[in-house]
Amino acid sequence: MSFTADVKAELCARRGKGRHCEIAELAAILNGCCKISRENGEPAIELHSDNPAVAKRFLDITGGVFSAQAGVTESARRHRILISGGPCEKILSAAGLLAAEGGLETPQCRISPMVVRQPCCKRAYIRGAFIACGSVAEPEKPYHLEFICETRPLAEGLRDMIAFFEIHPKIITRSGRCVVYLKEGEGIADLLNIMEAHASLLQFESKRVYKSVRNKINRESNCEVANMNKTVCASVRQIRDIRYIISKKGLDYLPEQLAEVAEIRLNNPGATLLEISAMLGHPVGKSGVNHRFRKISEIADIIMAGAE
């Protein structure tokens, strides 16, 4: 199973804190993956899902809270659930999805403030939204969690609801639909906690710690290699200058302090400036050693200019 399927299975197995939370969760599922219509004067709800856990959760809420009887059909692993008639009107009314137009109650997609007025109901709605239209990348891959919403108002309502918990997703448009998304590991971990997907959160966090340690090791290794390359290049340049001076003037041409550091470099081509500093008769700092090598380079340049 994918990590998304694992999270949905855990969320579908969780129960709300009461009828109000289950209605909030159901409202999100209705907005996220159900077709709401009116046929022959009566409202109808139709859910299509290839995830049996989602289908079961929908049936559990509609049957447990509203005693609704649903028609269920399956084909090629896809579940189709249809609810119509009186129970359907009660479901839509409780979820805040009925609106009056011209005296006729018609179903619509929106987030009713009354349905999500309590923090626990907001959690339940976010949980239902993920069950219906959410996905999250595998923890080993770059961080990404998203909800695909059919309309801009639904996307903005969901974004604002998540922001209530101090998590700040963004919205983009993709293929005519709005996508509410997070790309930060910390934000995704916090949202899993808000939805109460605690087992999935532990799995995600363990992978996140592993990635963090691995990336730190890679950074340190890359930095070490870069420093080593820098040391090698500097050493090659310094030895070239010293040998040029010796070939033209001899080592005695250099002042005593410069000759000392030059001889140490020739005998220790792989040593760092700090290591060379420790080998001097009168140790100086790293910057002092570097200054002496600059002086040697300047002397080599002067000799070369004179030879030309």
Protein backbone atom coordinates (compact mmCIF):
# COMPACT_ATOMS: atom_id res chain seq x y z
CA MET A 1 0.00 0.00 0.00
CA SER A 2 1.07 3.59 -0.57
CA PHE A 3 1.58 6.02 2.29
CA THR A 4 -1.56 7.89 1.18
CA ALA A 5 -3.58 4.66 1.42
CA ASP A 6 -2.11 3.98 4.87
CA VAL A 7 -3.09 7.44 6.11
CA LYS A 8 -6.62 7.13 4.69
CA ALA A 9 -7.07 3.68 6.20
CA GLU A 10 -6.05 5.03 9.62
CA LEU A 11 -8.33 8.06 9.32
CA CYS A 12 -11.28 5.95 8.17
CA ALA A 13 -10.87 3.72 11.22
CA ARG A 14 -11.00 6.70 13.60
CA ARG A 15 -14.30 7.90 15.04
CA GLY A 16 -15.27 11.49 15.71
CA LYS A 17 -15.86 12.87 19.19
CA GLY A 18 -19.61 12.99 18.61
CA ARG A 19 -22.38 13.36 16.07
CA HIS A 20 -21.31 16.93 15.26
CA CYS A 21 -17.79 15.78 14.31
CA GLU A 22 -19.07 12.93 12.15
CA ILE A 23 -21.34 15.38 10.31
CA ALA A 24 -18.36 17.71 9.73
CA GLU A 25 -16.31 14.81 8.38
CA LEU A 26 -19.21 13.73 6.18
CA ALA A 27 -19.59 17.29 4.85
CA ALA A 28 -15.97 17.19 3.68
CA ILE A 29 -16.48 13.83 1.98
CA LEU A 30 -19.62 15.14 0.27
CA ASN A 31 -17.69 18.18 -0.99
CA GLY A 32 -14.61 16.19 -1.94
CA CYS A 33 -15.69 13.07 -3.80
CA CYS A 34 -19.50 12.99 -4.13
CA LYS A 35 -21.85 14.10 -6.84
CA ILE A 36 -24.85 15.92 -5.37
CA SER A 37 -27.85 16.38 -7.67
CA ARG A 38 -31.63 16.53 -7.71
CA GLU A 39 -33.54 13.89 -9.64
CA ASN A 40 -37.34 13.86 -10.02
CA GLY A 41 -37.62 16.57 -7.38
CA GLU A 42 -35.56 14.67 -4.80
CA PRO A 43 -31.91 15.13 -3.87
CA ALA A 44 -29.43 12.35 -4.55
CA ILE A 45 -25.89 11.67 -3.35
CA GLU A 46 -23.55 9.53 -5.41
CA LEU A 47 -20.08 8.52 -4.28
CA HIS A 48 -17.45 6.89 -6.49
CA SER A 49 -14.23 5.61 -4.91
CA ASP A 50 -11.59 3.00 -5.65
CA ASN A 51 -10.69 2.89 -1.94
CA PRO A 52 -12.86 0.42 0.03
CA ALA A 53 -11.97 2.14 3.33
CA VAL A 54 -13.41 5.43 2.04
CA ALA A 55 -16.59 3.73 0.84
CA LYS A 56 -17.00 1.95 4.18
CA ARG A 57 -16.45 5.15 6.15
CA PHE A 58 -19.11 6.93 4.08
CA LEU A 59 -21.57 4.10 4.71
CA ASP A 60 -20.73 4.01 8.42
CA ILE A 61 -21.53 7.70 8.91
CA THR A 62 -24.61 7.90 6.70
CA GLY A 63 -25.99 4.66 8.13
CA GLY A 64 -24.97 5.23 11.74
CA VAL A 65 -25.96 8.89 12.07
CA PHE A 66 -28.87 9.10 9.63
CA SER A 67 -29.97 5.46 9.26
CA ALA A 68 -29.75 5.96 5.51
CA GLN A 69 -30.10 2.96 3.21
CA ALA A 70 -27.68 3.05 0.31
CA GLY A 71 -27.41 1.24 -2.96
CA VAL A 72 -23.91 -0.17 -3.41
CA THR A 73 -22.39 -1.51 -6.62
CA GLU A 74 -18.84 -2.56 -7.42
CA SER A 75 -17.06 -2.83 -10.75
CA ALA A 76 -13.33 -3.20 -11.49
CA ARG A 77 -12.43 -2.38 -7.86
CA ARG A 78 -14.51 0.80 -8.00
CA HIS A 79 -17.26 1.35 -5.46
CA ARG A 80 -20.45 3.27 -6.32
CA ILE A 81 -22.78 4.30 -3.51
CA LEU A 82 -26.13 6.00 -4.14
CA ILE A 83 -28.41 7.55 -1.54
CA SER A 84 -31.65 9.29 -2.51
CA GLY A 85 -34.99 10.31 -1.06
CA GLY A 86 -35.80 11.52 2.44
CA PRO A 87 -32.56 10.44 4.22
CA CYS A 88 -30.56 12.23 1.54
CA GLU A 89 -32.32 15.54 2.31
CA LYS A 90 -31.58 15.11 6.03
CA ILE A 91 -27.92 14.40 5.30
CA LEU A 92 -27.48 17.45 3.07
CA SER A 93 -29.38 19.69 5.47
CA ALA A 94 -27.26 18.59 8.47
CA ALA A 95 -24.08 19.10 6.42
CA GLY A 96 -25.18 22.61 5.45
CA LEU A 97 -25.31 21.77 1.76
CA LEU A 98 -28.85 22.86 0.95
CA ALA A 99 -29.48 26.36 -0.31
CA ALA A 100 -32.74 28.08 -1.21
CA GLU A 101 -33.00 29.30 -4.78
CA GLY A 102 -36.34 30.67 -5.91
CA GLY A 103 -38.13 28.92 -3.05
CA LEU A 104 -36.68 25.52 -3.96
CA GLU A 105 -34.04 23.85 -1.79
CA THR A 106 -31.18 22.85 -4.07
CA PRO A 107 -27.91 21.05 -3.15
CA GLN A 108 -24.63 22.90 -3.44
CA CYS A 109 -20.94 22.55 -2.52
CA ARG A 110 -19.80 24.82 0.28
CA ILE A 111 -18.45 24.78 3.82
CA SER A 112 -21.09 25.75 6.34
CA PRO A 113 -19.66 27.78 9.26
CA MET A 114 -22.18 26.13 11.58
CA VAL A 115 -20.87 22.66 10.74
CA VAL A 116 -17.26 23.54 11.63
CA ARG A 117 -17.73 26.07 14.41
CA GLN A 118 -15.84 23.98 17.02
CA PRO A 119 -12.11 23.12 16.80
CA CYS A 120 -12.88 19.38 16.99
CA CYS A 121 -15.25 19.75 14.03
CA LYS A 122 -12.58 21.60 12.07
CA ARG A 123 -10.23 18.66 12.70
CA ALA A 124 -12.97 16.28 11.55
CA TYR A 125 -13.61 18.30 8.38
CA ILE A 126 -9.90 18.33 7.49
CA ARG A 127 -9.80 14.58 8.16
CA GLY A 128 -12.79 14.04 5.86
CA ALA A 129 -11.24 16.24 3.18
CA PHE A 130 -8.08 14.14 3.17
CA ILE A 131 -10.14 10.94 3.02
CA ALA A 132 -12.07 12.33 0.04
CA CYS A 133 -9.53 14.25 -2.02
CA GLY A 134 -6.17 14.23 -0.26
CA SER A 135 -2.83 12.64 -1.00
CA VAL A 136 0.66 12.73 0.47
CA ALA A 137 3.99 11.76 -1.07
CA GLU A 138 5.95 8.82 0.27
CA PRO A 139 8.08 9.98 3.22
CA GLU A 140 11.29 9.05 1.37
CA LYS A 141 10.44 11.46 -1.47
CA PRO A 142 10.33 15.29 -1.47
CA TYR A 143 7.67 16.50 0.96
CA HIS A 144 4.26 17.13 -0.59
CA LEU A 145 0.68 16.91 0.70
CA GLU A 146 -2.33 18.17 -1.20
CA PHE A 147 -6.13 18.35 -1.39
CA ILE A 148 -7.82 18.68 -4.79
CA CYS A 149 -10.90 20.91 -4.55
CA GLU A 150 -13.53 21.40 -7.25
CA THR A 151 -14.04 25.13 -6.59
CA ARG A 152 -12.02 28.09 -5.37
CA PRO A 153 -14.35 28.79 -2.41
CA LEU A 154 -13.93 25.19 -1.18
CA ALA A 155 -10.16 25.47 -1.52
CA GLU A 156 -10.02 28.80 0.29
CA GLY A 157 -12.32 27.53 3.04
CA LEU A 158 -10.12 24.47 3.58
CA ARG A 159 -6.95 26.58 3.53
CA ASP A 160 -8.37 28.94 6.15
CA MET A 161 -9.52 26.02 8.30
CA ILE A 162 -6.00 24.52 8.26
CA ALA A 163 -4.55 27.98 9.01
CA PHE A 164 -6.69 28.01 12.19
CA PHE A 165 -4.19 25.45 13.52
CA GLU A 166 -1.16 27.64 12.62
CA ILE A 167 -0.36 25.67 9.44
CA HIS A 168 -0.28 27.74 6.27
CA PRO A 169 -0.83 25.88 2.98
CA LYS A 170 -0.93 27.51 -0.44
CA ILE A 171 -3.34 27.22 -3.37
CA ILE A 172 -2.60 26.65 -7.04
CA THR A 173 -4.83 25.87 -10.02
CA ARG A 174 -4.22 22.61 -11.86
CA SER A 175 -6.34 21.30 -14.76
CA GLY A 176 -9.20 23.62 -13.86
CA ARG A 177 -9.29 22.57 -10.19
CA CYS A 178 -7.83 24.19 -7.10
CA VAL A 179 -5.10 22.41 -5.15
CA VAL A 180 -4.41 23.20 -1.51
CA TYR A 181 -0.87 22.02 -0.78
CA LEU A 182 1.99 21.86 1.72
CA LYS A 183 5.65 21.24 0.87
CA GLU A 184 7.29 21.58 4.29
CA GLY A 185 7.98 18.47 6.33
CA GLU A 186 7.13 20.18 9.62
CA GLY A 187 3.78 21.44 8.26
CA ILE A 188 2.85 17.98 6.95
CA ALA A 189 3.76 16.40 10.29
CA ASP A 190 1.63 18.97 12.12
CA LEU A 191 -1.31 18.34 9.79
CA LEU A 192 -1.11 14.56 10.30
CA ASN A 193 -1.27 15.28 14.01
CA ILE A 194 -4.25 17.62 13.56
CA MET A 195 -6.08 14.89 11.63
CA GLU A 196 -5.12 12.44 14.42
CA ALA A 197 -3.29 10.07 12.08
CA HIS A 198 -0.84 9.26 14.87
CA ALA A 199 0.53 5.95 13.52
CA SER A 200 1.17 7.56 10.13
CA LEU A 201 2.76 10.54 11.89
CA LEU A 202 5.24 8.27 13.67
CA GLN A 203 6.12 6.59 10.37
CA PHE A 204 6.52 9.97 8.67
CA GLU A 205 8.64 11.41 11.47
CA SER A 206 10.99 8.41 11.58
CA LYS A 207 11.62 8.80 7.85
CA ARG A 208 12.01 12.55 8.26
CA VAL A 209 14.67 12.12 10.95
CA TYR A 210 16.50 9.59 8.76
CA LYS A 211 16.42 12.01 5.80
CA SER A 212 17.61 14.87 7.98
CA VAL A 213 20.58 12.86 9.31
CA ARG A 214 21.43 11.56 5.84
CA ASN A 215 21.31 15.06 4.34
CA LYS A 216 23.48 16.41 7.16
CA ILE A 217 26.06 13.69 6.56
CA ASN A 218 26.00 14.41 2.82
CA ARG A 219 26.46 18.14 3.44
CA GLU A 220 29.35 17.56 5.82
CA SER A 221 30.93 15.10 3.40
CA ASN A 222 30.57 17.53 0.50
CA CYS A 223 32.02 20.31 2.64
CA GLU A 224 34.94 18.10 3.65
CA VAL A 225 35.63 17.19 0.02
CA ALA A 226 35.43 20.85 -0.99
CA ASN A 227 37.84 21.85 1.78
CA MET A 228 40.19 19.03 0.79
CA ASN A 229 40.13 20.15 -2.84
CA LYS A 230 40.79 23.72 -1.73
CA THR A 231 43.75 22.59 0.39
CA VAL A 232 45.20 20.49 -2.44
CA CYS A 233 44.90 23.32 -4.98
CA ALA A 234 46.52 25.79 -2.58
CA SER A 235 49.33 23.33 -1.80
CA VAL A 236 50.04 22.72 -5.50
CA ARG A 237 50.21 26.48 -6.14
CA GLN A 238 52.47 27.08 -3.13
CA ILE A 239 54.87 24.24 -4.02
CA ARG A 240 55.06 25.53 -7.60
CA ASP A 241 56.07 29.00 -6.37
CA ILE A 242 58.62 27.62 -3.90
CA ARG A 243 60.26 25.36 -6.48
CA TYR A 244 60.40 28.21 -8.98
CA ILE A 245 62.17 30.42 -6.44
CA ILE A 246 64.62 27.61 -5.58
CA SER A 247 65.35 26.96 -9.28
CA LYS A 248 66.11 30.64 -9.93
CA LYS A 249 67.56 31.96 -6.67
CA GLY A 250 67.85 29.12 -4.17
CA LEU A 251 65.97 28.66 -0.89
CA ASP A 252 68.41 31.00 0.93
CA TYR A 253 67.04 33.87 -1.17
CA LEU A 254 63.94 33.84 1.04
CA PRO A 255 63.88 35.51 4.46
CA GLU A 256 64.25 33.06 7.34
CA GLN A 257 60.53 32.98 8.26
CA LEU A 258 59.47 32.41 4.66
CA ALA A 259 62.17 29.78 4.07
CA GLU A 260 60.99 27.91 7.15
CA VAL A 261 57.39 27.70 6.00
CA ALA A 262 58.51 26.88 2.43
CA GLU A 263 60.60 23.92 3.62
CA ILE A 264 57.73 22.59 5.73
CA ARG A 265 55.38 22.82 2.76
CA LEU A 266 57.79 20.91 0.52
CA ASN A 267 58.07 18.13 3.10
CA ASN A 268 54.32 18.09 3.86
CA PRO A 269 52.43 18.74 0.61
CA GLY A 270 49.07 17.56 2.05
CA ALA A 271 49.22 19.53 5.31
CA THR A 272 46.66 22.20 6.11
CA LEU A 273 47.62 25.73 7.15
CA LEU A 274 46.73 24.86 10.74
CA GLU A 275 48.97 21.78 10.67
CA ILE A 276 51.85 23.80 9.18
CA SER A 277 51.37 26.40 11.91
CA ALA A 278 51.90 23.72 14.55
CA MET A 279 55.16 22.58 12.86
CA LEU A 280 56.80 26.01 12.96
CA GLY A 281 59.55 26.70 15.51
CA HIS A 282 57.55 29.69 16.72
CA PRO A 283 53.92 28.77 15.94
CA VAL A 284 51.75 31.49 14.45
CA GLY A 285 48.10 31.46 13.60
CA LYS A 286 46.51 30.08 10.47
CA SER A 287 46.23 33.58 9.00
CA GLY A 288 49.93 34.18 9.73
CA VAL A 289 50.93 31.07 7.75
CA ASN A 290 48.66 32.12 4.90
CA HIS A 291 50.28 35.58 4.92
CA ARG A 292 53.74 34.01 4.55
CA PHE A 293 52.63 31.96 1.56
CA ARG A 294 51.23 35.13 -0.04
CA LYS A 295 54.61 36.76 0.41
CA ILE A 296 56.32 33.75 -1.23
CA SER A 297 53.89 34.02 -4.15
CA GLU A 298 54.64 37.73 -4.54
CA ILE A 299 58.40 37.03 -4.56
CA ALA A 300 57.91 34.34 -7.21
CA ASP A 301 55.92 36.80 -9.35
CA ILE A 302 58.68 39.45 -9.03
CA ILE A 303 61.41 36.95 -10.04
CA MET A 304 59.28 35.78 -12.98
CA ALA A 305 58.68 39.37 -14.10
CA GLY A 306 62.42 40.10 -13.93
CA ALA A 307 63.26 36.97 -15.92
CA GLU A 308 60.94 38.08 -18.68
